Amino acid sequence: MSESMIGKVLYVCDCGPECKCDHSSEEPSSCACGEPAVRRKVLVEDDQRIYVAETGHADAVDEPGTEPFTTSDGRPVQGFTKQR
C-alpha cells in the first residue's frame, strides 16, 4: 500500500480545468504546453489520481471543502494522474 498524497505540496500545470498536459512535479517546473507549474496542496486522491484546487485561478484555496471534490470556497478540484 502506498503512502497517502493528501496534504503534500506539488507543482501542477496552470492551464486550467481543460488541461491535457497532466503535468505534476515535486519541484518548481513548467509543463509541455509552456505554462508554468503552480504550487498546490493535494486535497483528495483515489487509486489513479490526485486532486488539487482548480488551476487557472490566481486566488485558489488550498483547503478541502465540506462537499466531496470541492475546495472550502466551493470551487471544484482538478485531477492529475499520480506519478509512479
N, C-alpha and C. Protein backbone atom coordinates (compact mmCIF):
# COMPACT_ATOMS: atom_id res chain seq x y z
N MET A 1 0.85 -1.19 0.00
CA MET A 1 0.00 0.00 0.00
C MET A 1 0.89 1.24 0.00
N SER A 2 0.58 2.18 -0.88
CA SER A 2 1.42 3.37 -0.98
C SER A 2 0.99 4.43 0.03
N GLU A 3 1.90 5.33 0.30
CA GLU A 3 1.68 6.41 1.25
C GLU A 3 0.68 7.42 0.68
N SER A 4 -0.17 7.97 1.53
CA SER A 4 -1.16 8.96 1.09
C SER A 4 -0.46 10.22 0.60
N MET A 5 -1.03 10.81 -0.44
CA MET A 5 -0.52 12.06 -1.00
C MET A 5 -1.26 13.27 -0.43
N ILE A 6 -2.35 13.06 0.31
CA ILE A 6 -3.16 14.17 0.82
C ILE A 6 -2.30 15.05 1.72
N GLY A 7 -2.35 16.34 1.45
CA GLY A 7 -1.58 17.33 2.20
C GLY A 7 -0.21 17.62 1.61
N LYS A 8 0.26 16.79 0.69
CA LYS A 8 1.55 17.01 0.06
C LYS A 8 1.46 18.16 -0.94
N VAL A 9 2.50 18.96 -1.02
CA VAL A 9 2.54 20.08 -1.97
C VAL A 9 3.22 19.63 -3.26
N LEU A 10 2.55 19.87 -4.38
CA LEU A 10 3.09 19.55 -5.70
C LEU A 10 2.98 20.78 -6.59
N TYR A 11 3.67 20.74 -7.70
CA TYR A 11 3.59 21.77 -8.72
C TYR A 11 2.86 21.16 -9.91
N VAL A 12 1.77 21.80 -10.33
CA VAL A 12 0.94 21.27 -11.41
C VAL A 12 0.76 22.33 -12.49
N CYS A 13 0.46 21.89 -13.70
CA CYS A 13 0.25 22.81 -14.82
C CYS A 13 -0.87 23.79 -14.49
N ASP A 14 -0.69 25.05 -14.87
CA ASP A 14 -1.66 26.10 -14.59
C ASP A 14 -2.57 26.39 -15.79
N CYS A 15 -2.77 25.43 -16.68
CA CYS A 15 -3.63 25.61 -17.86
C CYS A 15 -5.09 25.83 -17.49
N GLY A 16 -5.52 25.31 -16.38
CA GLY A 16 -6.92 25.35 -16.01
C GLY A 16 -7.55 23.97 -16.12
N PRO A 17 -8.85 23.89 -15.86
CA PRO A 17 -9.51 22.58 -15.81
C PRO A 17 -9.52 21.82 -17.14
N GLU A 18 -9.30 22.49 -18.26
CA GLU A 18 -9.26 21.79 -19.55
C GLU A 18 -7.88 21.24 -19.86
N CYS A 19 -6.96 21.32 -18.93
CA CYS A 19 -5.57 20.91 -19.14
C CYS A 19 -5.47 19.48 -19.67
N LYS A 20 -4.74 19.31 -20.73
CA LYS A 20 -4.47 17.98 -21.29
C LYS A 20 -3.03 17.55 -20.99
N CYS A 21 -2.24 18.48 -20.44
CA CYS A 21 -0.83 18.21 -20.16
C CYS A 21 -0.66 17.19 -19.03
N ASP A 22 -1.50 17.31 -18.01
CA ASP A 22 -1.48 16.40 -16.87
C ASP A 22 -0.13 16.43 -16.14
N HIS A 23 0.54 17.58 -16.14
CA HIS A 23 1.86 17.72 -15.53
C HIS A 23 1.77 17.93 -14.02
N SER A 24 2.53 17.14 -13.29
CA SER A 24 2.72 17.38 -11.86
C SER A 24 4.14 17.01 -11.50
N SER A 25 4.68 17.72 -10.51
CA SER A 25 6.08 17.52 -10.13
C SER A 25 6.25 17.92 -8.66
N GLU A 26 7.25 17.37 -8.04
CA GLU A 26 7.58 17.77 -6.67
C GLU A 26 8.45 19.03 -6.66
N GLU A 27 8.95 19.44 -7.83
CA GLU A 27 9.83 20.60 -7.95
C GLU A 27 9.19 21.68 -8.82
N PRO A 28 9.51 22.95 -8.60
CA PRO A 28 9.03 24.01 -9.49
C PRO A 28 9.44 23.69 -10.93
N SER A 29 8.53 23.90 -11.87
CA SER A 29 8.79 23.49 -13.24
C SER A 29 7.81 24.16 -14.19
N SER A 30 7.94 23.84 -15.46
CA SER A 30 6.97 24.21 -16.49
C SER A 30 6.53 22.92 -17.16
N CYS A 31 5.37 22.95 -17.77
CA CYS A 31 4.91 21.73 -18.43
C CYS A 31 5.11 21.83 -19.94
N ALA A 32 4.77 20.78 -20.64
CA ALA A 32 4.99 20.70 -22.09
C ALA A 32 4.26 21.79 -22.86
N CYS A 33 3.15 22.30 -22.33
CA CYS A 33 2.40 23.34 -23.04
C CYS A 33 3.04 24.72 -22.85
N GLY A 34 4.06 24.80 -22.00
CA GLY A 34 4.76 26.06 -21.79
C GLY A 34 4.27 26.86 -20.60
N GLU A 35 3.17 26.43 -19.99
CA GLU A 35 2.66 27.12 -18.81
C GLU A 35 3.54 26.80 -17.61
N PRO A 36 3.74 27.77 -16.73
CA PRO A 36 4.49 27.47 -15.50
C PRO A 36 3.63 26.61 -14.58
N ALA A 37 4.27 25.77 -13.83
CA ALA A 37 3.55 24.97 -12.84
C ALA A 37 3.29 25.84 -11.61
N VAL A 38 2.14 25.63 -10.98
CA VAL A 38 1.78 26.37 -9.78
C VAL A 38 1.75 25.42 -8.58
N ARG A 39 2.01 25.99 -7.43
CA ARG A 39 2.07 25.22 -6.20
C ARG A 39 0.65 24.95 -5.71
N ARG A 40 0.34 23.68 -5.47
CA ARG A 40 -0.96 23.29 -4.95
C ARG A 40 -0.80 22.15 -3.94
N LYS A 41 -1.67 22.14 -2.96
CA LYS A 41 -1.70 21.08 -1.97
C LYS A 41 -2.70 20.02 -2.42
N VAL A 42 -2.33 18.75 -2.30
CA VAL A 42 -3.23 17.66 -2.66
C VAL A 42 -4.35 17.61 -1.63
N LEU A 43 -5.59 17.71 -2.12
CA LEU A 43 -6.76 17.76 -1.24
C LEU A 43 -7.50 16.43 -1.18
N VAL A 44 -7.48 15.68 -2.29
CA VAL A 44 -8.20 14.42 -2.41
C VAL A 44 -7.34 13.50 -3.28
N GLU A 45 -7.52 12.20 -3.11
CA GLU A 45 -6.84 11.26 -4.00
C GLU A 45 -7.70 10.02 -4.15
N ASP A 46 -7.47 9.30 -5.24
CA ASP A 46 -8.03 7.97 -5.41
C ASP A 46 -6.89 7.09 -5.92
N ASP A 47 -7.19 5.91 -6.40
CA ASP A 47 -6.12 5.00 -6.82
C ASP A 47 -5.26 5.52 -7.97
N GLN A 48 -5.86 6.30 -8.87
CA GLN A 48 -5.17 6.73 -10.08
C GLN A 48 -4.78 8.20 -10.10
N ARG A 49 -5.50 9.06 -9.34
CA ARG A 49 -5.32 10.50 -9.49
C ARG A 49 -5.22 11.21 -8.14
N ILE A 50 -4.55 12.37 -8.20
CA ILE A 50 -4.55 13.30 -7.07
C ILE A 50 -5.40 14.49 -7.52
N TYR A 51 -5.99 15.18 -6.56
CA TYR A 51 -6.87 16.31 -6.87
C TYR A 51 -6.43 17.52 -6.06
N VAL A 52 -6.32 18.65 -6.77
CA VAL A 52 -5.87 19.90 -6.17
C VAL A 52 -6.89 21.00 -6.49
N ALA A 53 -6.75 22.15 -5.84
CA ALA A 53 -7.59 23.28 -6.18
C ALA A 53 -7.44 23.57 -7.66
N GLU A 54 -8.54 23.80 -8.33
CA GLU A 54 -8.55 24.03 -9.77
C GLU A 54 -7.51 25.07 -10.17
N THR A 55 -6.77 24.80 -11.24
CA THR A 55 -5.75 25.74 -11.71
C THR A 55 -6.38 26.78 -12.63
N GLY A 56 -5.58 27.78 -12.99
CA GLY A 56 -6.07 28.85 -13.84
C GLY A 56 -6.68 30.00 -13.05
N HIS A 57 -6.62 29.91 -11.72
CA HIS A 57 -7.14 30.95 -10.83
C HIS A 57 -6.00 31.43 -9.93
N ALA A 58 -5.77 32.71 -9.87
CA ALA A 58 -4.72 33.25 -9.01
C ALA A 58 -5.11 33.17 -7.54
N ASP A 59 -6.41 33.03 -7.26
CA ASP A 59 -6.88 33.05 -5.88
C ASP A 59 -7.36 31.68 -5.38
N ALA A 60 -6.73 30.61 -5.86
CA ALA A 60 -7.14 29.27 -5.47
C ALA A 60 -6.99 29.07 -3.96
N VAL A 61 -7.90 28.29 -3.41
CA VAL A 61 -7.89 27.98 -1.98
C VAL A 61 -7.43 26.53 -1.80
N ASP A 62 -6.36 26.34 -1.04
CA ASP A 62 -5.80 25.01 -0.83
C ASP A 62 -6.34 24.32 0.41
N GLU A 63 -7.64 24.44 0.64
CA GLU A 63 -8.28 23.77 1.77
C GLU A 63 -9.47 22.99 1.25
N PRO A 64 -9.65 21.74 1.72
CA PRO A 64 -10.78 20.93 1.24
C PRO A 64 -12.12 21.50 1.71
N GLY A 65 -13.14 21.29 0.89
CA GLY A 65 -14.48 21.74 1.22
C GLY A 65 -15.26 20.69 1.99
N THR A 66 -16.44 21.05 2.37
CA THR A 66 -17.31 20.11 3.08
C THR A 66 -17.97 19.14 2.12
N GLU A 67 -18.11 19.53 0.86
CA GLU A 67 -18.64 18.65 -0.17
C GLU A 67 -17.48 17.91 -0.83
N PRO A 68 -17.67 16.65 -1.20
CA PRO A 68 -16.59 15.91 -1.86
C PRO A 68 -16.14 16.61 -3.14
N PHE A 69 -14.85 16.58 -3.38
CA PHE A 69 -14.24 17.12 -4.60
C PHE A 69 -14.50 18.61 -4.80
N THR A 70 -14.48 19.37 -3.69
CA THR A 70 -14.56 20.83 -3.76
C THR A 70 -13.53 21.41 -2.79
N THR A 71 -13.23 22.69 -3.00
CA THR A 71 -12.38 23.41 -2.06
C THR A 71 -13.29 24.13 -1.06
N SER A 72 -12.70 24.72 -0.03
CA SER A 72 -13.51 25.35 1.01
C SER A 72 -14.33 26.53 0.51
N ASP A 73 -13.97 27.08 -0.67
CA ASP A 73 -14.78 28.17 -1.23
C ASP A 73 -15.80 27.65 -2.25
N GLY A 74 -15.96 26.33 -2.33
CA GLY A 74 -16.97 25.73 -3.19
C GLY A 74 -16.56 25.44 -4.61
N ARG A 75 -15.34 25.80 -4.99
CA ARG A 75 -14.88 25.51 -6.36
C ARG A 75 -14.55 24.03 -6.50
N PRO A 76 -14.64 23.52 -7.72
CA PRO A 76 -14.27 22.11 -7.93
C PRO A 76 -12.76 21.91 -7.84
N VAL A 77 -12.37 20.69 -7.56
CA VAL A 77 -10.94 20.34 -7.60
C VAL A 77 -10.62 19.84 -9.00
N GLN A 78 -9.34 19.75 -9.30
CA GLN A 78 -8.87 19.32 -10.62
C GLN A 78 -7.95 18.12 -10.43
N GLY A 79 -8.15 17.09 -11.25
CA GLY A 79 -7.36 15.87 -11.12
C GLY A 79 -6.14 15.82 -12.02
N PHE A 80 -5.10 15.17 -11.52
CA PHE A 80 -3.88 14.91 -12.25
C PHE A 80 -3.48 13.46 -11.97
N THR A 81 -2.93 12.79 -12.98
CA THR A 81 -2.51 11.41 -12.81
C THR A 81 -1.41 11.30 -11.78
N LYS A 82 -1.51 10.31 -10.90
CA LYS A 82 -0.46 10.09 -9.91
C LYS A 82 0.81 9.66 -10.62
N GLN A 83 1.92 10.17 -10.16
CA GLN A 83 3.23 9.78 -10.68
C GLN A 83 3.66 8.51 -9.96
N ARG A 84 4.11 7.54 -10.67
CA ARG A 84 4.52 6.25 -10.07
C ARG A 84 6.01 6.24 -9.85
